[in-house]
């Protein structure tokens, strides 16, 4: 598995667009910093570092877009370059193939959120917030790492479609947009049903024994297992 992951990262290293996509993680904190510095010091907008730490746009829009783009790269290029036949000859089983791709996406997802956390912390230091402490720094680092893992898991329905659609970029992108928008607009109503809506509850309230947290956690786990299993099944059907 380690050698397979190494091959995946070598292939992605050639994709320069991925580097620029990862840099979008610094955009929200940078814009927030510029906005805060343009306001009077007495302004109540983002008065504390806790208020400044907003990962909503990154969590709901940027990260899912980047993960979808990454999934399209690592799943669809196998079909475009006709390397699927070589993978069958080696052979690499459907389980190893899917989990290798998903672990790659997971690593990029966590790294993306860590970059966002680092940019947010640096912006807060430049602004000069006096409520920045080790406890606050570690709290938001934990939130970002958790978000990276959960959002990747919550995107499994889109990844399944990417596996099934093979080289249909437009269909997969449209599905991602519909999936994300529905998760944002109906987050309250779809909590415990829509994995992306469920992930938000776990990310921010994971420390509590809240009923919604438990239901949302079960929703994420169940949907992840179901859609991973379906992805492996679809892949095996394509091989047949």
C-alpha atoms as a PDB file:
ATOM      1  CA  UNK A   1       0.000   0.000   0.000  1.00  0.00           C
ATOM      2  CA  UNK A   2       2.852   2.401   0.856  1.00  0.00           C
ATOM      3  CA  UNK A   3       4.475   1.902  -2.542  1.00  0.00           C
ATOM      4  CA  UNK A   4       1.117   2.461  -4.226  1.00  0.00           C
ATOM      5  CA  UNK A   5       0.615   5.717  -2.267  1.00  0.00           C
ATOM      6  CA  UNK A   6       4.123   6.809  -3.240  1.00  0.00           C
ATOM      7  CA  UNK A   7       3.257   6.287  -6.908  1.00  0.00           C
ATOM      8  CA  UNK A   8       0.078   8.360  -6.464  1.00  0.00           C
ATOM      9  CA  UNK A   9       2.010  11.275  -4.986  1.00  0.00           C
ATOM     10  CA  UNK A  10       4.644  11.091  -7.724  1.00  0.00           C
ATOM     11  CA  UNK A  11       1.895  11.335 -10.344  1.00  0.00           C
ATOM     12  CA  UNK A  12       0.227  14.255  -8.559  1.00  0.00           C
ATOM     13  CA  UNK A  13       3.555  16.059  -8.210  1.00  0.00           C
ATOM     14  CA  UNK A  14       3.420  16.701 -11.949  1.00  0.00           C
ATOM     15  CA  UNK A  15       0.050  18.445 -11.644  1.00  0.00           C
ATOM     16  CA  UNK A  16       1.011  22.114 -11.160  1.00  0.00           C
ATOM     17  CA  UNK A  17      -2.639  23.152 -10.915  1.00  0.00           C
ATOM     18  CA  UNK A  18      -2.894  21.167  -7.689  1.00  0.00           C
ATOM     19  CA  UNK A  19      -0.241  23.363  -6.073  1.00  0.00           C
ATOM     20  CA  UNK A  20      -2.237  26.495  -6.892  1.00  0.00           C
ATOM     21  CA  UNK A  21      -5.437  24.833  -5.714  1.00  0.00           C
ATOM     22  CA  UNK A  22      -3.838  24.127  -2.326  1.00  0.00           C
ATOM     23  CA  UNK A  23      -2.830  27.785  -2.044  1.00  0.00           C
ATOM     24  CA  UNK A  24      -6.508  28.830  -2.146  1.00  0.00           C
ATOM     25  CA  UNK A  25      -6.566  27.807   1.515  1.00  0.00           C
ATOM     26  CA  UNK A  26      -4.861  31.074   2.428  1.00  0.00           C
ATOM     27  CA  UNK A  27      -7.377  33.260   0.560  1.00  0.00           C
ATOM     28  CA  UNK A  28     -10.180  33.510   3.205  1.00  0.00           C
ATOM     29  CA  UNK A  29      -7.889  34.424   6.160  1.00  0.00           C
ATOM     30  CA  UNK A  30      -5.950  36.846   3.945  1.00  0.00           C
ATOM     31  CA  UNK A  31      -9.143  38.615   2.850  1.00  0.00           C
ATOM     32  CA  UNK A  32     -10.421  38.685   6.448  1.00  0.00           C
ATOM     33  CA  UNK A  33      -7.112  40.159   7.621  1.00  0.00           C
ATOM     34  CA  UNK A  34      -7.139  42.905   4.989  1.00  0.00           C
ATOM     35  CA  UNK A  35     -10.751  43.713   5.866  1.00  0.00           C
ATOM     36  CA  UNK A  36     -10.020  43.825   9.621  1.00  0.00           C
ATOM     37  CA  UNK A  37      -6.947  46.037   9.168  1.00  0.00           C
ATOM     38  CA  UNK A  38      -9.009  48.484   7.103  1.00  0.00           C
ATOM     39  CA  UNK A  39     -11.435  48.981  10.012  1.00  0.00           C
ATOM     40  CA  UNK A  40     -10.913  51.242  13.062  1.00  0.00           C
ATOM     41  CA  UNK A  41      -9.367  49.497  16.082  1.00  0.00           C
ATOM     42  CA  UNK A  42     -12.559  50.126  18.055  1.00  0.00           C
ATOM     43  CA  UNK A  43     -14.653  48.233  15.505  1.00  0.00           C
ATOM     44  CA  UNK A  44     -16.634  45.273  16.854  1.00  0.00           C
ATOM     45  CA  UNK A  45     -16.137  43.270  13.632  1.00  0.00           C
ATOM     46  CA  UNK A  46     -13.810  40.310  14.337  1.00  0.00           C
ATOM     47  CA  UNK A  47     -12.862  41.933  17.617  1.00  0.00           C
ATOM     48  CA  UNK A  48     -11.313  38.738  18.991  1.00  0.00           C
ATOM     49  CA  UNK A  49      -9.263  35.946  17.436  1.00  0.00           C
ATOM     50  CA  UNK A  50     -12.095  33.493  18.146  1.00  0.00           C
ATOM     51  CA  UNK A  51     -14.396  35.628  15.977  1.00  0.00           C
ATOM     52  CA  UNK A  52     -11.696  35.959  13.325  1.00  0.00           C
ATOM     53  CA  UNK A  53     -11.301  32.163  13.003  1.00  0.00           C
ATOM     54  CA  UNK A  54     -13.942  31.531  10.382  1.00  0.00           C
ATOM     55  CA  UNK A  55     -13.516  28.406   8.301  1.00  0.00           C
ATOM     56  CA  UNK A  56     -17.079  28.333   6.931  1.00  0.00           C
ATOM     57  CA  UNK A  57     -16.211  29.334   3.359  1.00  0.00           C
ATOM     58  CA  UNK A  58     -13.213  27.008   3.318  1.00  0.00           C
ATOM     59  CA  UNK A  59     -15.186  24.155   4.848  1.00  0.00           C
ATOM     60  CA  UNK A  60     -18.350  24.491   2.752  1.00  0.00           C
ATOM     61  CA  UNK A  61     -16.983  25.580  -0.614  1.00  0.00           C
ATOM     62  CA  UNK A  62     -13.213  25.667  -1.179  1.00  0.00           C
ATOM     63  CA  UNK A  63     -12.233  22.305   0.297  1.00  0.00           C
ATOM     64  CA  UNK A  64     -15.028  20.290  -1.394  1.00  0.00           C
ATOM     65  CA  UNK A  65     -14.107  21.909  -4.732  1.00  0.00           C
ATOM     66  CA  UNK A  66     -10.423  21.085  -4.301  1.00  0.00           C
ATOM     67  CA  UNK A  67     -11.195  17.507  -3.223  1.00  0.00           C
ATOM     68  CA  UNK A  68     -13.501  17.003  -6.209  1.00  0.00           C
ATOM     69  CA  UNK A  69     -10.808  18.322  -8.544  1.00  0.00           C
ATOM     70  CA  UNK A  70      -8.263  16.012  -6.909  1.00  0.00           C
ATOM     71  CA  UNK A  71     -10.599  13.009  -7.134  1.00  0.00           C
ATOM     72  CA  UNK A  72     -11.191  13.728 -10.831  1.00  0.00           C
ATOM     73  CA  UNK A  73      -7.432  13.842 -11.370  1.00  0.00           C
ATOM     74  CA  UNK A  74      -6.594  10.569  -9.648  1.00  0.00           C
ATOM     75  CA  UNK A  75      -9.608   8.526 -10.755  1.00  0.00           C
ATOM     76  CA  UNK A  76     -10.267   9.818 -14.277  1.00  0.00           C
ATOM     77  CA  UNK A  77      -6.661   9.989 -15.458  1.00  0.00           C
ATOM     78  CA  UNK A  78      -6.412   6.207 -15.093  1.00  0.00           C
ATOM     79  CA  UNK A  79      -9.084   5.909 -17.779  1.00  0.00           C
ATOM     80  CA  UNK A  80      -7.710   8.745 -19.932  1.00  0.00           C
ATOM     81  CA  UNK A  81      -4.170   7.355 -19.942  1.00  0.00           C
ATOM     82  CA  UNK A  82      -5.478   3.797 -20.259  1.00  0.00           C
ATOM     83  CA  UNK A  83      -3.474   2.672 -17.250  1.00  0.00           C
ATOM     84  CA  UNK A  84      -6.399   0.723 -15.792  1.00  0.00           C
ATOM     85  CA  UNK A  85      -5.362  -2.291 -17.898  1.00  0.00           C
ATOM     86  CA  UNK A  86      -1.853  -2.169 -16.427  1.00  0.00           C
ATOM     87  CA  UNK A  87      -3.285  -2.003 -12.911  1.00  0.00           C
ATOM     88  CA  UNK A  88      -5.334  -5.125 -13.650  1.00  0.00           C
ATOM     89  CA  UNK A  89      -2.238  -6.969 -14.881  1.00  0.00           C
ATOM     90  CA  UNK A  90      -0.084  -6.114 -11.788  1.00  0.00           C
ATOM     91  CA  UNK A  91      -2.723  -6.822 -10.261  1.00  0.00           C
ATOM     92  CA  UNK A  92      -4.141  -4.203  -7.893  1.00  0.00           C
ATOM     93  CA  UNK A  93      -7.468  -5.249  -6.424  1.00  0.00           C
ATOM     94  CA  UNK A  94     -10.482  -2.957  -6.270  1.00  0.00           C
ATOM     95  CA  UNK A  95     -10.209  -2.550  -2.487  1.00  0.00           C
ATOM     96  CA  UNK A  96      -6.550  -1.559  -2.601  1.00  0.00           C
ATOM     97  CA  UNK A  97      -7.160   0.718  -5.583  1.00  0.00           C
ATOM     98  CA  UNK A  98     -10.046   2.626  -3.973  1.00  0.00           C
ATOM     99  CA  UNK A  99      -8.465   2.906  -0.526  1.00  0.00           C
ATOM    100  CA  UNK A 100      -5.164   4.028  -2.026  1.00  0.00           C
ATOM    101  CA  UNK A 101      -6.931   6.858  -3.823  1.00  0.00           C
ATOM    102  CA  UNK A 102      -9.012   7.783  -0.767  1.00  0.00           C
ATOM    103  CA  UNK A 103      -5.995   7.875   1.564  1.00  0.00           C
ATOM    104  CA  UNK A 104      -4.292  10.205  -0.921  1.00  0.00           C
ATOM    105  CA  UNK A 105      -7.337  12.485  -0.920  1.00  0.00           C
ATOM    106  CA  UNK A 106      -7.493  12.332   2.900  1.00  0.00           C
ATOM    107  CA  UNK A 107      -3.864  13.443   3.250  1.00  0.00           C
ATOM    108  CA  UNK A 108      -4.407  16.366   0.883  1.00  0.00           C
ATOM    109  CA  UNK A 109      -7.618  17.305   2.696  1.00  0.00           C
ATOM    110  CA  UNK A 110      -5.925  17.459   6.106  1.00  0.00           C
ATOM    111  CA  UNK A 111      -2.918  19.343   4.691  1.00  0.00           C
ATOM    112  CA  UNK A 112      -5.273  21.856   3.052  1.00  0.00           C
ATOM    113  CA  UNK A 113      -7.008  22.589   6.358  1.00  0.00           C
ATOM    114  CA  UNK A 114      -3.667  22.825   8.198  1.00  0.00           C
ATOM    115  CA  UNK A 115      -2.544  25.418   5.631  1.00  0.00           C
ATOM    116  CA  UNK A 116      -5.774  27.323   6.297  1.00  0.00           C
ATOM    117  CA  UNK A 117      -5.122  27.101  10.055  1.00  0.00           C
ATOM    118  CA  UNK A 118      -1.530  28.356   9.672  1.00  0.00           C
ATOM    119  CA  UNK A 119      -2.655  31.257   7.456  1.00  0.00           C
ATOM    120  CA  UNK A 120      -5.386  32.161   9.944  1.00  0.00           C
ATOM    121  CA  UNK A 121      -2.943  32.091  12.869  1.00  0.00           C
ATOM    122  CA  UNK A 122      -0.391  34.214  10.994  1.00  0.00           C
ATOM    123  CA  UNK A 123      -3.108  36.719  10.033  1.00  0.00           C
ATOM    124  CA  UNK A 124      -4.234  36.907  13.663  1.00  0.00           C
ATOM    125  CA  UNK A 125      -0.674  37.615  14.815  1.00  0.00           C
ATOM    126  CA  UNK A 126      -0.285  40.350  12.189  1.00  0.00           C
ATOM    127  CA  UNK A 127      -3.540  41.966  13.323  1.00  0.00           C
ATOM    128  CA  UNK A 128      -2.322  41.731  16.924  1.00  0.00           C
ATOM    129  CA  UNK A 129      -5.074  39.863  18.755  1.00  0.00           C
ATOM    130  CA  UNK A 130      -4.307  39.584  22.455  1.00  0.00           C
ATOM    131  CA  UNK A 131      -6.445  36.485  23.063  1.00  0.00           C
ATOM    132  CA  UNK A 132      -4.156  34.141  21.086  1.00  0.00           C
ATOM    133  CA  UNK A 133      -2.845  31.426  23.397  1.00  0.00           C
ATOM    134  CA  UNK A 134      -1.463  27.888  23.125  1.00  0.00           C
ATOM    135  CA  UNK A 135      -4.876  26.511  24.112  1.00  0.00           C
ATOM    136  CA  UNK A 136      -6.629  28.525  21.386  1.00  0.00           C
ATOM    137  CA  UNK A 137      -4.003  27.589  18.777  1.00  0.00           C
ATOM    138  CA  UNK A 138      -4.264  23.848  19.528  1.00  0.00           C
ATOM    139  CA  UNK A 139      -8.071  24.051  19.651  1.00  0.00           C
ATOM    140  CA  UNK A 140      -8.317  25.414  16.122  1.00  0.00           C
ATOM    141  CA  UNK A 141      -5.622  23.054  14.863  1.00  0.00           C
ATOM    142  CA  UNK A 142      -7.718  20.149  16.143  1.00  0.00           C
ATOM    143  CA  UNK A 143     -10.815  21.616  14.481  1.00  0.00           C
ATOM    144  CA  UNK A 144      -9.006  21.953  11.145  1.00  0.00           C
ATOM    145  CA  UNK A 145      -7.572  18.431  11.208  1.00  0.00           C
ATOM    146  CA  UNK A 146     -11.001  17.047  12.130  1.00  0.00           C
ATOM    147  CA  UNK A 147     -12.598  19.085   9.340  1.00  0.00           C
ATOM    148  CA  UNK A 148     -10.098  17.742   6.810  1.00  0.00           C
ATOM    149  CA  UNK A 149     -10.942  14.139   7.690  1.00  0.00           C
ATOM    150  CA  UNK A 150     -14.712  14.540   8.020  1.00  0.00           C
ATOM    151  CA  UNK A 151     -15.257  16.591   4.873  1.00  0.00           C
ATOM    152  CA  UNK A 152     -13.274  14.066   2.863  1.00  0.00           C
ATOM    153  CA  UNK A 153     -15.513  11.300   4.262  1.00  0.00           C
ATOM    154  CA  UNK A 154     -18.633  13.402   3.627  1.00  0.00           C
ATOM    155  CA  UNK A 155     -17.688  13.786  -0.046  1.00  0.00           C
ATOM    156  CA  UNK A 156     -17.898  10.023  -0.696  1.00  0.00           C
ATOM    157  CA  UNK A 157     -21.219  10.277  -2.637  1.00  0.00           C
ATOM    158  CA  UNK A 158     -19.482  12.583  -5.119  1.00  0.00           C
ATOM    159  CA  UNK A 159     -16.437  10.302  -5.288  1.00  0.00           C
ATOM    160  CA  UNK A 160     -18.727   7.362  -6.076  1.00  0.00           C
ATOM    161  CA  UNK A 161     -20.184   9.280  -9.003  1.00  0.00           C
ATOM    162  CA  UNK A 162     -16.674  10.109 -10.220  1.00  0.00           C
ATOM    163  CA  UNK A 163     -15.761   6.409 -10.159  1.00  0.00           C
ATOM    164  CA  UNK A 164     -18.986   5.484 -11.979  1.00  0.00           C
ATOM    165  CA  UNK A 165     -18.824   8.324 -14.529  1.00  0.00           C
ATOM    166  CA  UNK A 166     -15.196   7.558 -15.457  1.00  0.00           C
ATOM    167  CA  UNK A 167     -14.252  10.621 -17.589  1.00  0.00           C
ATOM    168  CA  UNK A 168     -17.400  12.749 -17.259  1.00  0.00           C
ATOM    169  CA  UNK A 169     -15.962  15.899 -15.633  1.00  0.00           C
ATOM    170  CA  UNK A 170     -19.063  18.034 -16.193  1.00  0.00           C
ATOM    171  CA  UNK A 171     -21.479  15.594 -14.548  1.00  0.00           C
ATOM    172  CA  UNK A 172     -19.179  15.141 -11.537  1.00  0.00           C
ATOM    173  CA  UNK A 173     -18.650  18.896 -11.101  1.00  0.00           C
ATOM    174  CA  UNK A 174     -22.386  19.634 -11.325  1.00  0.00           C
ATOM    175  CA  UNK A 175     -23.112  16.867  -8.814  1.00  0.00           C
ATOM    176  CA  UNK A 176     -20.538  18.342  -6.431  1.00  0.00           C
ATOM    177  CA  UNK A 177     -22.119  21.808  -6.650  1.00  0.00           C
ATOM    178  CA  UNK A 178     -25.637  20.465  -6.064  1.00  0.00           C
ATOM    179  CA  UNK A 179     -24.397  18.305  -3.198  1.00  0.00           C
ATOM    180  CA  UNK A 180     -22.551  21.185  -1.518  1.00  0.00           C
ATOM    181  CA  UNK A 181     -25.300  23.765  -1.989  1.00  0.00           C
ATOM    182  CA  UNK A 182     -27.974  21.420  -0.630  1.00  0.00           C
ATOM    183  CA  UNK A 183     -25.774  20.669   2.376  1.00  0.00           C
ATOM    184  CA  UNK A 184     -25.347  24.381   3.118  1.00  0.00           C
ATOM    185  CA  UNK A 185     -28.887  25.589   2.411  1.00  0.00           C
ATOM    186  CA  UNK A 186     -30.632  22.789   4.277  1.00  0.00           C
ATOM    187  CA  UNK A 187     -27.975  22.089   6.908  1.00  0.00           C
ATOM    188  CA  UNK A 188     -30.447  22.256   9.780  1.00  0.00           C
ATOM    189  CA  UNK A 189     -33.097  20.060   8.176  1.00  0.00           C
ATOM    190  CA  UNK A 190     -30.643  17.521   6.702  1.00  0.00           C
ATOM    191  CA  UNK A 191     -28.490  17.144   9.807  1.00  0.00           C
ATOM    192  CA  UNK A 192     -28.011  13.423  10.372  1.00  0.00           C
ATOM    193  CA  UNK A 193     -29.065  12.691   6.757  1.00  0.00           C
ATOM    194  CA  UNK A 194     -26.744  14.714   4.530  1.00  0.00           C
ATOM    195  CA  UNK A 195     -23.098  13.798   5.336  1.00  0.00           C
ATOM    196  CA  UNK A 196     -21.797  17.305   4.621  1.00  0.00           C
ATOM    197  CA  UNK A 197     -24.407  18.872   6.919  1.00  0.00           C
ATOM    198  CA  UNK A 198     -23.580  16.274   9.572  1.00  0.00           C
ATOM    199  CA  UNK A 199     -19.850  16.987   9.368  1.00  0.00           C
ATOM    200  CA  UNK A 200     -20.367  20.604  10.428  1.00  0.00           C
ATOM    201  CA  UNK A 201     -21.975  19.549  13.721  1.00  0.00           C
ATOM    202  CA  UNK A 202     -19.176  17.103  14.536  1.00  0.00           C
ATOM    203  CA  UNK A 203     -16.414  19.568  13.651  1.00  0.00           C
ATOM    204  CA  UNK A 204     -17.596  22.298  16.000  1.00  0.00           C
ATOM    205  CA  UNK A 205     -19.302  20.279  18.754  1.00  0.00           C
ATOM    206  CA  UNK A 206     -17.330  17.015  18.829  1.00  0.00           C
ATOM    207  CA  UNK A 207     -16.372  17.504  22.470  1.00  0.00           C
ATOM    208  CA  UNK A 208     -19.961  17.290  23.713  1.00  0.00           C
ATOM    209  CA  UNK A 209     -22.232  14.269  24.144  1.00  0.00           C
ATOM    210  CA  UNK A 210     -24.888  16.072  22.144  1.00  0.00           C
ATOM    211  CA  UNK A 211     -27.585  13.895  20.573  1.00  0.00           C
ATOM    212  CA  UNK A 212     -27.072  15.650  17.236  1.00  0.00           C
ATOM    213  CA  UNK A 213     -23.339  14.904  17.364  1.00  0.00           C
ATOM    214  CA  UNK A 214     -24.000  11.197  17.916  1.00  0.00           C
ATOM    215  CA  UNK A 215     -26.581  10.998  15.107  1.00  0.00           C
ATOM    216  CA  UNK A 216     -24.325  12.980  12.754  1.00  0.00           C
ATOM    217  CA  UNK A 217     -21.354  10.719  13.577  1.00  0.00           C
ATOM    218  CA  UNK A 218     -23.396   7.618  12.773  1.00  0.00           C
ATOM    219  CA  UNK A 219     -24.522   9.265   9.528  1.00  0.00           C
ATOM    220  CA  UNK A 220     -20.917   9.957   8.459  1.00  0.00           C
ATOM    221  CA  UNK A 221     -19.700   6.453   9.351  1.00  0.00           C
ATOM    222  CA  UNK A 222     -22.639   4.671   7.711  1.00  0.00           C
ATOM    223  CA  UNK A 223     -22.557   6.746   4.520  1.00  0.00           C
ATOM    224  CA  UNK A 224     -18.777   6.351   4.239  1.00  0.00           C
ATOM    225  CA  UNK A 225     -18.989   2.549   4.537  1.00  0.00           C
ATOM    226  CA  UNK A 226     -21.896   2.347   2.064  1.00  0.00           C
ATOM    227  CA  UNK A 227     -20.377   4.607  -0.593  1.00  0.00           C
ATOM    228  CA  UNK A 228     -16.901   3.087  -0.322  1.00  0.00           C
ATOM    229  CA  UNK A 229     -18.441  -0.373  -0.742  1.00  0.00           C
ATOM    230  CA  UNK A 230     -20.446   0.841  -3.734  1.00  0.00           C
ATOM    231  CA  UNK A 231     -17.323   2.395  -5.269  1.00  0.00           C
ATOM    232  CA  UNK A 232     -15.463  -0.919  -4.997  1.00  0.00           C
ATOM    233  CA  UNK A 233     -18.476  -2.766  -6.457  1.00  0.00           C
ATOM    234  CA  UNK A 234     -18.785  -0.337  -9.380  1.00  0.00           C
ATOM    235  CA  UNK A 235     -15.061  -0.597 -10.092  1.00  0.00           C
ATOM    236  CA  UNK A 236     -15.221  -4.389 -10.149  1.00  0.00           C
ATOM    237  CA  UNK A 237     -18.207  -4.230 -12.509  1.00  0.00           C
ATOM    238  CA  UNK A 238     -16.239  -1.961 -14.836  1.00  0.00           C
ATOM    239  CA  UNK A 239     -13.320  -4.395 -14.782  1.00  0.00           C
ATOM    240  CA  UNK A 240     -15.677  -7.226 -15.696  1.00  0.00           C
END
